[in-house]
Structure formats: structure tokens, C-alpha cells
Amino acid sequence: MTESTMNKQGALLEDSTFNVITQIEKKADFLYSSVEKYMRDAEKDSKPELVKMWNTIKEDEQNHLKMLREELIREAKEDKLK
């Protein structure tokens, strides 16, 4: 969604806000469905180094999700989601 598309189609969100929301969805999907399966598979295959790696990635993604959530909350408080 570009600014010109926004103006022509009357979109309700700026591109940057849309991007934040999109990434929240992607990271939440990864955290609440995919990563746990990956960790179970690594455990099942007796690969503790992969379990550790997936856990580190999970922690990083949780931090990224928190950052995105905080940004969306900030925009909402500043009334930028009109």
C-alpha cells in the first residue's frame, strides 16, 4: 500500500502502520504455532543444540513482538490509527 494508493482508495492506515500490524501477525503466528513444533521435533530427534537454537530465536521474536506491540500502542495513544 503506497501513499498514492492510500489517497486513491481511501485506505485507513499508513503503510508504516500496516507494516507494524502485519509483522505482529507474522511473529505471533510463529511464536504461537510454529516454534513450539520446531522445538518438539528437535527434542524428538535428540538434537539439544537445535532446541537451544529455537529457544533463542523464540526469545528474540518475543522481544521483537513486544517492540511492535509497543509501537502500535504508542500510535493508538497518539490517535494515529484513524
Protein backbone atom coordinates (compact mmCIF):
# COMPACT_ATOMS: atom_id res chain seq x y z
CA MET A 1 0.00 0.00 0.00
CA THR A 2 1.63 3.24 -1.11
CA GLU A 3 0.70 6.80 -0.26
CA SER A 4 -0.76 7.32 -3.72
CA THR A 5 -2.78 4.11 -3.35
CA MET A 6 -3.93 5.31 0.04
CA ASN A 7 -5.20 8.56 -1.39
CA LYS A 8 -6.94 6.92 -4.35
CA GLN A 9 -8.54 4.11 -2.37
CA GLY A 10 -9.13 5.95 0.89
CA ALA A 11 -7.14 3.44 2.97
CA LEU A 12 -7.45 3.85 6.70
CA LEU A 13 -3.84 3.06 7.61
CA GLU A 14 -0.49 4.46 6.60
CA ASP A 15 1.94 1.97 5.07
CA SER A 16 4.18 2.05 8.14
CA THR A 17 1.30 1.25 10.48
CA PHE A 18 0.11 -1.52 8.18
CA ASN A 19 3.65 -2.94 8.22
CA VAL A 20 3.71 -3.00 12.03
CA ILE A 21 0.36 -4.80 12.18
CA THR A 22 1.45 -7.28 9.51
CA GLN A 23 4.64 -8.11 11.39
CA ILE A 24 2.74 -8.53 14.66
CA GLU A 25 0.57 -11.14 12.95
CA LYS A 26 3.56 -12.96 11.43
CA LYS A 27 5.56 -13.03 14.65
CA ALA A 28 2.57 -14.11 16.72
CA ASP A 29 1.85 -16.91 14.28
CA PHE A 30 5.45 -18.09 14.50
CA LEU A 31 5.52 -17.85 18.30
CA TYR A 32 2.18 -19.47 18.98
CA SER A 33 2.21 -22.26 16.44
CA SER A 34 5.47 -22.90 14.58
CA VAL A 35 8.31 -22.55 17.07
CA GLU A 36 6.85 -25.00 19.60
CA LYS A 37 6.56 -27.64 16.87
CA TYR A 38 10.14 -26.98 15.79
CA MET A 39 11.32 -27.42 19.37
CA ARG A 40 9.35 -30.66 19.81
CA ASP A 41 10.77 -32.01 16.55
CA ALA A 42 14.32 -31.20 17.68
CA GLU A 43 13.67 -32.87 21.03
CA LYS A 44 12.19 -35.93 19.30
CA ASP A 45 15.26 -36.15 17.06
CA SER A 46 17.57 -35.82 20.10
CA LYS A 47 19.14 -32.56 18.91
CA PRO A 48 19.58 -30.42 22.03
CA GLU A 49 21.62 -27.85 20.08
CA LEU A 50 18.58 -27.23 17.85
CA VAL A 51 16.27 -26.99 20.86
CA LYS A 52 18.61 -24.35 22.29
CA MET A 53 18.75 -22.52 18.95
CA TRP A 54 14.96 -22.48 18.56
CA ASN A 55 14.59 -21.29 22.13
CA THR A 56 16.99 -18.40 21.46
CA ILE A 57 15.09 -17.49 18.30
CA LYS A 58 11.82 -17.69 20.23
CA GLU A 59 13.15 -15.27 22.86
CA ASP A 60 14.35 -12.87 20.16
CA GLU A 61 10.99 -13.00 18.39
CA GLN A 62 9.18 -12.38 21.68
CA ASN A 63 11.28 -9.24 22.12
CA HIS A 64 10.51 -8.16 18.55
CA LEU A 65 6.80 -8.77 19.08
CA LYS A 66 6.93 -6.68 22.25
CA MET A 67 8.62 -3.82 20.36
CA LEU A 68 6.00 -3.93 17.60
CA ARG A 69 3.15 -4.08 20.12
CA GLU A 70 4.55 -1.09 22.00
CA GLU A 71 4.78 0.88 18.75
CA LEU A 72 1.19 0.08 17.85
CA ILE A 73 0.04 1.10 21.33
CA ARG A 74 2.01 4.35 21.01
CA GLU A 75 0.36 5.13 17.68
CA ALA A 76 -3.06 4.32 19.10
CA LYS A 77 -2.49 6.62 22.08
CA GLU A 78 -1.37 9.39 19.73
CA ASP A 79 -4.58 8.85 17.78
CA LYS A 80 -2.70 7.94 14.59
CA LEU A 81 -4.89 4.95 13.74
CA LYS A 82 -7.68 6.95 12.16
